[in-house]
Amino acid sequence: MKISELTPGTGNVNLEAEVVGIEEPREINKMGRTLRVANATVKDDSGTITLVLWNDNIDKIQEGSKIKITNGYVNTWQDKSQLTLGKFGQMEVV
């Protein structure tokens, strides 16, 4: 699957991409738990998209990392499409 094919609501996203940027992690409080979240920009030869990373996944990557996403999905936040792993998605550095 290519980034250019992703639209909000797309599920079961499997793709490989390169991390071209990552924001500083920020902490949020969700249902009494403190969680870390960071946005990374990933690209393939068809385009770029924001990848939302939570907690331990933030520490697995850095700019220039090649990653493989399995079972991700696309949603929107503030009118922008973003790729997220959700509860069932996986990310590995390749």
Protein backbone atom coordinates (compact mmCIF):
# COMPACT_ATOMS: atom_id res chain seq x y z
CA MET A 1 0.00 0.00 0.00
CA LYS A 2 1.20 3.53 -0.79
CA ILE A 3 0.73 6.67 1.30
CA SER A 4 -1.04 8.38 -1.61
CA GLU A 5 -3.76 5.69 -1.43
CA LEU A 6 -4.59 6.39 2.22
CA THR A 7 -7.84 8.16 3.06
CA PRO A 8 -9.60 8.70 6.39
CA GLY A 9 -11.28 5.47 7.47
CA THR A 10 -8.78 3.23 5.68
CA GLY A 11 -8.02 0.24 7.90
CA ASN A 12 -5.63 -2.70 7.75
CA VAL A 13 -2.86 -0.41 6.44
CA ASN A 14 0.37 -2.23 5.65
CA LEU A 15 3.23 -0.14 4.29
CA GLU A 16 6.91 0.65 4.47
CA ALA A 17 8.11 4.23 4.84
CA GLU A 18 11.00 6.40 5.96
CA VAL A 19 10.82 8.71 8.96
CA VAL A 20 11.69 12.22 7.75
CA GLY A 21 10.89 14.11 10.93
CA ILE A 22 9.67 13.63 14.49
CA GLU A 23 8.27 16.16 16.92
CA GLU A 24 9.20 16.35 20.59
CA PRO A 25 7.00 13.99 22.63
CA ARG A 26 4.35 15.62 24.76
CA GLU A 27 2.51 14.26 27.77
CA ILE A 28 -1.25 14.04 28.00
CA ASN A 29 -3.53 12.85 30.74
CA LYS A 30 -6.10 10.34 29.52
CA MET A 31 -8.49 8.68 31.93
CA GLY A 32 -6.16 9.29 34.86
CA ARG A 33 -3.06 7.97 33.10
CA THR A 34 -0.16 10.04 31.84
CA LEU A 35 0.73 9.06 28.28
CA ARG A 36 3.41 10.27 25.86
CA VAL A 37 2.49 11.07 22.27
CA ALA A 38 4.56 12.33 19.34
CA ASN A 39 3.88 12.98 15.67
CA ALA A 40 6.33 11.70 13.09
CA THR A 41 6.30 12.55 9.40
CA VAL A 42 6.83 9.49 7.21
CA LYS A 43 7.24 9.27 3.45
CA ASP A 44 7.36 6.81 0.63
CA ASP A 45 7.74 7.44 -3.10
CA SER A 46 4.09 8.56 -3.34
CA GLY A 47 3.83 11.14 -0.55
CA THR A 48 3.96 11.89 3.17
CA ILE A 49 1.63 11.45 6.14
CA THR A 50 1.73 12.09 9.88
CA LEU A 51 2.25 8.95 11.97
CA VAL A 52 1.01 9.22 15.55
CA LEU A 53 3.19 7.34 18.03
CA TRP A 54 2.44 6.55 21.67
CA ASN A 55 4.70 5.72 24.61
CA ASP A 56 7.39 3.08 23.86
CA ASN A 57 6.96 3.33 20.07
CA ILE A 58 8.33 6.89 20.22
CA ASP A 59 11.71 5.60 21.41
CA LYS A 60 12.02 3.00 18.63
CA ILE A 61 12.53 5.45 15.79
CA GLN A 62 14.57 8.45 14.78
CA GLU A 63 14.87 10.58 11.68
CA GLY A 64 16.06 8.37 8.83
CA SER A 65 14.59 5.16 10.26
CA LYS A 66 12.91 2.82 7.79
CA ILE A 67 9.74 1.37 9.29
CA LYS A 68 7.14 -1.20 8.44
CA ILE A 69 3.55 -0.62 9.59
CA THR A 70 1.21 -3.58 9.89
CA ASN A 71 -2.54 -3.24 10.50
CA GLY A 72 -2.54 0.53 10.98
CA TYR A 73 -5.48 2.79 10.21
CA VAL A 74 -6.11 6.32 9.02
CA ASN A 75 -8.21 8.87 10.87
CA THR A 76 -8.38 12.65 10.94
CA TRP A 77 -7.33 15.14 13.58
CA GLN A 78 -7.99 18.83 13.04
CA ASP A 79 -8.95 18.16 9.39
CA LYS A 80 -5.66 16.38 8.60
CA SER A 81 -5.24 12.69 7.81
CA GLN A 82 -2.99 10.79 10.15
CA LEU A 83 -1.82 7.21 10.36
CA THR A 84 -2.03 5.50 13.72
CA LEU A 85 -1.31 2.02 15.04
CA GLY A 86 -4.25 1.85 17.42
CA LYS A 87 -4.61 -1.15 19.66
CA PHE A 88 -3.93 -3.81 17.02
CA GLY A 89 -1.36 -2.21 14.72
CA GLN A 90 2.36 -2.89 14.84
CA MET A 91 5.47 -0.99 13.81
CA GLU A 92 8.92 -2.42 13.28
CA VAL A 93 12.16 -0.81 12.25
CA VAL A 94 13.57 -2.56 9.17
